[in-house]
Amino acid sequence: MINPNHFDLQSLRVFLQVAQTGSLTKAAEKSHMTLSALSKRIAELERIADCALFVRLPRGLELTPAGVELIHHARSVLNSVARMADAMGDFAIGVRGHVRIWANTSAITQFLPRDLATFGREQPLIRISLEEKLSEQVISAIASGEADIGIFADNVPSVGLEKYLYRQDHLVLVVPADHPLATLDQVSFAETLDYDFVGLNQGSSLLQRLNDAAGALERTMRLRIQVSSFDAMCRMIEAGLGIGVLPDGAVRIAVTGLRAIPLSDPWALRSLWLGVRATAALMPEAVKLLDHLRHASTN
């Protein structure tokens, strides 16, 4: 049985350097070590792991299957230690709390920058870690405790969470200025389905909303291309690759020269929710941020 206490961080760092360079000599130079000292560490690491991590070849080193597996674990361990040191460093310089918030793209693009900036001015000693994720991932992170606070779309199941309304936005159809629909003041989703679409990648709550709406009409969307951000959608639409549906606050018409037309369908008015596992179980700094975001939604 391998004793995990026998692994040390420096050996893992050296191992990753050798894996990256494929050479003991190059890794020793990059690590500012002698070749003999580095070789000794690799040999000791292989002894602890009780298996070979590299195959010695005439022109360098090649990872064994065990070595490939160790790369993932070594990176995870070193990243965790770095985050720990960073967090402890915050306390050393006076930071008095850390809040982890995960949010979907709509919230981050439209609302969170201003809200978090205001909170940062009011609470400079509270550090915020923000992750941009799909709504389903946000909800899972809240449930597992990986995130303290989450913001997600209203069409994603969130059973078991405490929820508070964060913001509402309206979906608009975005088209090039010379598109046949560009002259309309308002458009129904049904009128758009004869055209090619630019959409977000699979898993996004917005794409699911559009697919559901097309299904209710017994139609399908003609997705020509899928991208991972609203900015990329606008660029693709501007290039004439299709039309798209975005939140109104995410369309920079002045920059792109595109036309945004409000959708007339009732489902085009969306709600974004704040979610937590239980407010009573949150740390005080997380409660402060939650209260700030709930108040911001009323302004």
Protein backbone atom coordinates (compact mmCIF):
# COMPACT_ATOMS: atom_id res chain seq x y z
CA MET A 1 0.00 0.00 0.00
CA ILE A 2 1.45 3.37 -1.03
CA ASN A 3 1.67 5.90 1.79
CA PRO A 4 0.44 9.31 0.50
CA ASN A 5 2.52 11.06 3.19
CA HIS A 6 5.68 10.06 1.34
CA PHE A 7 4.95 12.32 -1.64
CA ASP A 8 6.47 15.81 -1.38
CA LEU A 9 5.53 18.92 -3.32
CA GLN A 10 8.97 19.67 -4.73
CA SER A 11 9.25 16.19 -6.22
CA LEU A 12 5.88 16.63 -7.87
CA ARG A 13 7.00 19.97 -9.33
CA VAL A 14 10.18 18.36 -10.64
CA PHE A 15 8.18 15.47 -12.10
CA LEU A 16 5.94 17.89 -14.02
CA GLN A 17 8.97 19.75 -15.33
CA VAL A 18 10.50 16.50 -16.61
CA ALA A 19 7.17 15.44 -18.14
CA GLN A 20 6.91 18.79 -19.94
CA THR A 21 10.46 18.88 -21.30
CA GLY A 22 10.98 15.14 -21.84
CA SER A 23 14.54 15.59 -20.66
CA LEU A 24 16.26 15.35 -17.27
CA THR A 25 18.91 17.85 -18.37
CA LYS A 26 16.43 20.49 -19.54
CA ALA A 27 14.25 19.98 -16.47
CA ALA A 28 17.28 20.42 -14.22
CA GLU A 29 18.13 23.70 -15.94
CA LYS A 30 14.58 25.03 -15.65
CA SER A 31 14.35 23.91 -12.00
CA HIS A 32 17.78 25.37 -11.12
CA MET A 33 18.95 21.99 -9.83
CA THR A 34 21.90 19.78 -10.54
CA LEU A 35 21.24 16.85 -12.82
CA SER A 36 22.13 14.38 -10.08
CA ALA A 37 19.78 15.99 -7.56
CA LEU A 38 16.91 16.00 -10.02
CA SER A 39 17.55 12.39 -11.08
CA LYS A 40 17.56 11.36 -7.43
CA ARG A 41 14.16 12.98 -6.88
CA ILE A 42 12.65 11.21 -9.90
CA ALA A 43 14.08 7.89 -8.78
CA GLU A 44 12.69 8.42 -5.28
CA LEU A 45 9.30 9.34 -6.68
CA GLU A 46 9.25 6.15 -8.73
CA ARG A 47 10.23 4.20 -5.62
CA ILE A 48 7.37 5.71 -3.64
CA ALA A 49 4.90 5.12 -6.50
CA ASP A 50 6.30 1.58 -6.83
CA CYS A 51 6.28 1.82 -10.63
CA ALA A 52 8.15 3.42 -13.50
CA LEU A 53 6.96 6.89 -14.47
CA PHE A 54 9.18 7.31 -17.52
CA VAL A 55 10.61 5.10 -20.25
CA ARG A 56 14.24 6.01 -20.94
CA LEU A 57 14.77 6.44 -24.69
CA PRO A 58 17.93 7.36 -26.66
CA ARG A 59 16.63 10.87 -27.27
CA GLY A 60 14.85 11.58 -24.01
CA LEU A 61 12.07 10.35 -21.77
CA GLU A 62 8.55 9.19 -22.48
CA LEU A 63 5.78 8.93 -19.91
CA THR A 64 4.48 5.52 -18.94
CA PRO A 65 0.71 5.09 -18.37
CA ALA A 66 1.40 5.56 -14.65
CA GLY A 67 3.26 8.77 -15.42
CA VAL A 68 0.38 10.09 -17.52
CA GLU A 69 -1.99 9.38 -14.63
CA LEU A 70 0.30 11.07 -12.11
CA ILE A 71 0.37 14.28 -14.20
CA HIS A 72 -3.33 14.91 -13.52
CA HIS A 73 -3.03 14.25 -9.78
CA ALA A 74 0.19 16.25 -9.40
CA ARG A 75 -1.33 19.29 -11.09
CA SER A 76 -4.45 19.02 -8.94
CA VAL A 77 -2.40 18.79 -5.73
CA LEU A 78 -0.13 21.69 -6.62
CA ASN A 79 -3.07 23.87 -7.73
CA SER A 80 -4.86 23.14 -4.45
CA VAL A 81 -1.76 24.06 -2.45
CA ALA A 82 -1.40 27.28 -4.44
CA ARG A 83 -5.02 28.19 -3.74
CA MET A 84 -4.51 27.41 -0.05
CA ALA A 85 -1.42 29.62 0.11
CA ASP A 86 -3.29 32.38 -1.70
CA ALA A 87 -6.18 32.17 0.75
CA MET A 88 -3.88 32.21 3.78
CA GLY A 89 -2.02 35.14 2.25
CA ASP A 90 -5.30 37.06 2.10
CA PHE A 91 -5.75 36.68 5.86
CA ALA A 92 -2.14 37.74 6.41
CA ILE A 93 -2.76 41.07 4.68
CA GLY A 94 -6.09 41.70 6.39
CA VAL A 95 -8.74 40.08 4.19
CA ARG A 96 -11.57 38.98 6.45
CA GLY A 97 -13.55 36.55 4.33
CA HIS A 98 -13.82 34.75 1.03
CA VAL A 99 -17.04 34.18 -0.93
CA ARG A 100 -17.30 31.81 -3.89
CA ILE A 101 -19.92 32.76 -6.43
CA TRP A 102 -20.74 30.90 -9.65
CA ALA A 103 -22.93 32.56 -12.28
CA ASN A 104 -24.14 31.99 -15.81
CA THR A 105 -23.01 34.08 -18.77
CA SER A 106 -26.12 36.27 -18.82
CA ALA A 107 -25.58 37.43 -15.24
CA ILE A 108 -21.86 38.05 -15.70
CA THR A 109 -22.29 39.89 -18.99
CA GLN A 110 -25.15 42.14 -17.95
CA PHE A 111 -25.31 42.72 -14.21
CA LEU A 112 -22.59 41.31 -11.99
CA PRO A 113 -19.66 43.62 -12.90
CA ARG A 114 -21.43 46.69 -11.55
CA ASP A 115 -22.95 44.90 -8.55
CA LEU A 116 -19.66 43.32 -7.48
CA ALA A 117 -17.77 46.58 -7.99
CA THR A 118 -20.19 48.34 -5.66
CA PHE A 119 -19.87 45.56 -3.09
CA GLY A 120 -16.08 45.70 -3.32
CA ARG A 121 -16.10 49.39 -2.48
CA GLU A 122 -18.39 48.80 0.49
CA GLN A 123 -16.60 45.67 1.74
CA PRO A 124 -12.94 45.92 0.66
CA LEU A 125 -11.80 43.20 3.09
CA ILE A 126 -14.03 40.49 1.60
CA ARG A 127 -12.53 38.60 -1.32
CA ILE A 128 -14.80 37.24 -4.07
CA SER A 129 -14.00 34.34 -6.38
CA LEU A 130 -16.23 34.37 -9.46
CA GLU A 131 -16.65 31.44 -11.86
CA GLU A 132 -18.56 31.65 -15.16
CA LYS A 133 -20.46 28.38 -15.67
CA LEU A 134 -23.60 26.94 -17.25
CA SER A 135 -26.73 27.22 -15.11
CA GLU A 136 -26.82 23.47 -14.46
CA GLN A 137 -23.21 23.55 -13.27
CA VAL A 138 -24.00 26.51 -11.02
CA ILE A 139 -26.84 24.65 -9.35
CA SER A 140 -24.72 21.52 -8.86
CA ALA A 141 -21.92 23.61 -7.31
CA ILE A 142 -24.32 25.19 -4.82
CA ALA A 143 -25.75 21.80 -3.86
CA SER A 144 -22.29 20.29 -3.38
CA GLY A 145 -20.92 23.24 -1.42
CA GLU A 146 -18.37 24.14 -4.09
CA ALA A 147 -20.04 27.55 -4.46
CA ASP A 148 -21.55 29.68 -1.70
CA ILE A 149 -23.88 31.65 -3.98
CA GLY A 150 -25.07 30.95 -7.50
CA ILE A 151 -26.93 32.82 -10.23
CA PHE A 152 -28.79 30.79 -12.83
CA ALA A 153 -31.62 30.88 -15.34
CA ASP A 154 -35.25 30.25 -14.45
CA ASN A 155 -35.73 27.30 -16.83
CA VAL A 156 -33.23 25.01 -15.07
CA PRO A 157 -34.49 22.77 -12.21
CA SER A 158 -33.18 23.90 -8.82
CA VAL A 159 -35.00 21.70 -6.34
CA GLY A 160 -33.83 22.04 -2.75
CA LEU A 161 -32.21 25.47 -3.04
CA GLU A 162 -33.26 28.72 -1.43
CA LYS A 163 -33.93 31.13 -4.31
CA TYR A 164 -34.28 34.88 -4.61
CA LEU A 165 -35.03 36.92 -7.72
CA TYR A 166 -31.86 38.62 -8.96
CA ARG A 167 -32.76 40.29 -12.25
CA GLN A 168 -35.04 40.00 -15.26
CA ASP A 169 -33.96 40.49 -18.83
CA HIS A 170 -35.65 40.38 -22.23
CA LEU A 171 -34.50 38.29 -25.14
CA VAL A 172 -34.05 40.00 -28.48
CA LEU A 173 -33.41 38.78 -32.01
CA VAL A 174 -30.08 40.03 -33.32
CA VAL A 175 -29.66 40.35 -37.09
CA PRO A 176 -27.35 42.16 -39.51
CA ALA A 177 -28.57 45.59 -40.55
CA ASP A 178 -29.43 44.37 -44.07
CA HIS A 179 -31.39 41.28 -42.96
CA PRO A 180 -35.05 40.91 -44.14
CA LEU A 181 -36.23 41.05 -40.50
CA ALA A 182 -34.16 44.13 -39.62
CA THR A 183 -37.00 46.58 -40.37
CA LEU A 184 -39.39 45.05 -37.82
CA ASP A 185 -40.04 46.74 -34.45
CA GLN A 186 -40.98 43.42 -32.86
CA VAL A 187 -40.84 39.80 -34.01
CA SER A 188 -42.26 36.47 -32.91
CA PHE A 189 -39.94 33.50 -32.60
CA ALA A 190 -42.01 31.62 -35.17
CA GLU A 191 -41.12 34.25 -37.79
CA THR A 192 -37.40 33.58 -37.28
CA LEU A 193 -37.33 29.81 -37.81
CA ASP A 194 -36.93 29.95 -41.59
CA TYR A 195 -33.43 31.39 -41.13
CA ASP A 196 -30.08 29.95 -40.06
CA PHE A 197 -29.13 30.53 -36.43
CA VAL A 198 -25.95 31.22 -34.52
CA GLY A 199 -26.36 29.72 -31.06
CA LEU A 200 -24.54 28.97 -27.84
CA ASN A 201 -22.99 25.58 -27.22
CA GLN A 202 -24.97 22.61 -25.96
CA GLY A 203 -25.83 22.78 -22.27
CA SER A 204 -26.65 26.48 -22.14
CA SER A 205 -30.02 27.37 -20.62
CA LEU A 206 -30.64 29.91 -23.42
CA LEU A 207 -30.21 27.29 -26.13
CA GLN A 208 -32.51 24.95 -24.22
CA ARG A 209 -35.14 27.69 -23.98
CA LEU A 210 -35.01 28.25 -27.72
CA ASN A 211 -35.13 24.54 -28.52
CA ASP A 212 -38.13 24.13 -26.21
CA ALA A 213 -39.89 27.06 -27.89
CA ALA A 214 -39.21 25.63 -31.35
CA GLY A 215 -40.49 22.23 -30.21
CA ALA A 216 -43.71 23.81 -28.93
CA LEU A 217 -44.21 25.16 -32.45
CA GLU A 218 -43.40 21.71 -33.88
CA ARG A 219 -40.39 23.25 -35.61
CA THR A 220 -36.64 22.97 -35.25
CA MET A 221 -33.93 25.60 -35.20
CA ARG A 222 -31.49 25.59 -38.09
CA LEU A 223 -28.30 25.91 -36.07
CA ARG A 224 -25.53 26.74 -38.49
CA ILE A 225 -22.81 27.40 -35.93
CA GLN A 226 -22.44 27.27 -32.15
CA VAL A 227 -20.07 29.30 -30.00
CA SER A 228 -19.34 29.76 -26.31
CA SER A 229 -20.00 33.46 -25.69
CA PHE A 230 -22.37 36.30 -26.52
CA ASP A 231 -19.52 38.31 -28.00
CA ALA A 232 -18.68 35.46 -30.37
CA MET A 233 -22.36 35.19 -31.33
CA CYS A 234 -22.45 38.87 -32.27
CA ARG A 235 -19.30 38.53 -34.35
CA MET A 236 -20.70 35.53 -36.23
CA ILE A 237 -24.00 37.31 -36.85
CA GLU A 238 -22.18 40.40 -38.06
CA ALA A 239 -20.27 38.19 -40.49
CA GLY A 240 -23.55 36.98 -41.97
CA LEU A 241 -23.43 33.42 -40.64
CA GLY A 242 -26.94 33.56 -39.21
CA ILE A 243 -29.23 35.32 -36.76
CA GLY A 244 -29.29 34.84 -32.99
CA VAL A 245 -31.24 35.38 -29.78
CA LEU A 246 -29.47 37.16 -26.93
CA PRO A 247 -30.40 39.04 -23.75
CA ASP A 248 -30.96 42.69 -24.55
CA GLY A 249 -28.25 43.80 -22.14
CA ALA A 250 -25.63 41.64 -23.86
CA VAL A 251 -25.90 43.21 -27.32
CA ARG A 252 -23.50 46.04 -28.08
CA ILE A 253 -25.30 47.55 -31.04
CA ALA A 254 -23.08 50.63 -31.18
CA VAL A 255 -19.99 48.46 -31.56
CA THR A 256 -21.27 45.77 -33.88
CA GLY A 257 -23.70 47.73 -36.04
CA LEU A 258 -26.28 44.98 -35.57
CA ARG A 259 -30.02 45.36 -35.16
CA ALA A 260 -31.74 44.06 -32.01
CA ILE A 261 -35.47 43.34 -32.32
CA PRO A 262 -37.53 42.49 -29.21
CA LEU A 263 -39.15 39.04 -29.25
CA SER A 264 -42.90 39.22 -28.66
CA ASP A 265 -43.20 35.73 -27.11
CA PRO A 266 -44.05 35.68 -23.35
CA TRP A 267 -41.13 33.34 -22.58
CA ALA A 268 -38.71 35.99 -23.90
CA LEU A 269 -38.97 37.72 -20.51
CA ARG A 270 -36.55 35.74 -18.33
CA SER A 271 -35.72 35.69 -14.63
CA LEU A 272 -32.27 35.11 -13.20
CA TRP A 273 -32.23 33.60 -9.73
CA LEU A 274 -29.88 33.88 -6.80
CA GLY A 275 -29.53 30.51 -5.10
CA VAL A 276 -27.95 29.16 -1.90
CA ARG A 277 -28.22 25.88 -0.04
CA ALA A 278 -29.38 27.62 3.13
CA THR A 279 -28.94 31.26 4.12
CA ALA A 280 -28.68 30.28 7.79
CA ALA A 281 -25.64 28.12 7.03
CA LEU A 282 -23.70 30.80 5.13
CA MET A 283 -20.64 32.50 6.59
CA PRO A 284 -21.26 36.17 7.54
CA GLU A 285 -19.34 37.51 4.53
CA ALA A 286 -21.45 35.39 2.16
CA VAL A 287 -24.63 36.67 3.81
CA LYS A 288 -23.42 40.24 3.23
CA LEU A 289 -22.88 39.57 -0.47
CA LEU A 290 -26.21 37.77 -0.81
CA ASP A 291 -28.02 40.69 0.83
CA HIS A 292 -26.19 43.14 -1.43
CA LEU A 293 -27.17 41.26 -4.59
CA ARG A 294 -30.78 40.93 -3.45
CA HIS A 295 -30.90 44.68 -2.78
CA ALA A 296 -29.23 45.44 -6.11
CA SER A 297 -32.04 43.63 -7.91
CA THR A 298 -34.56 46.18 -6.64
CA ASN A 299 -32.61 49.20 -7.87
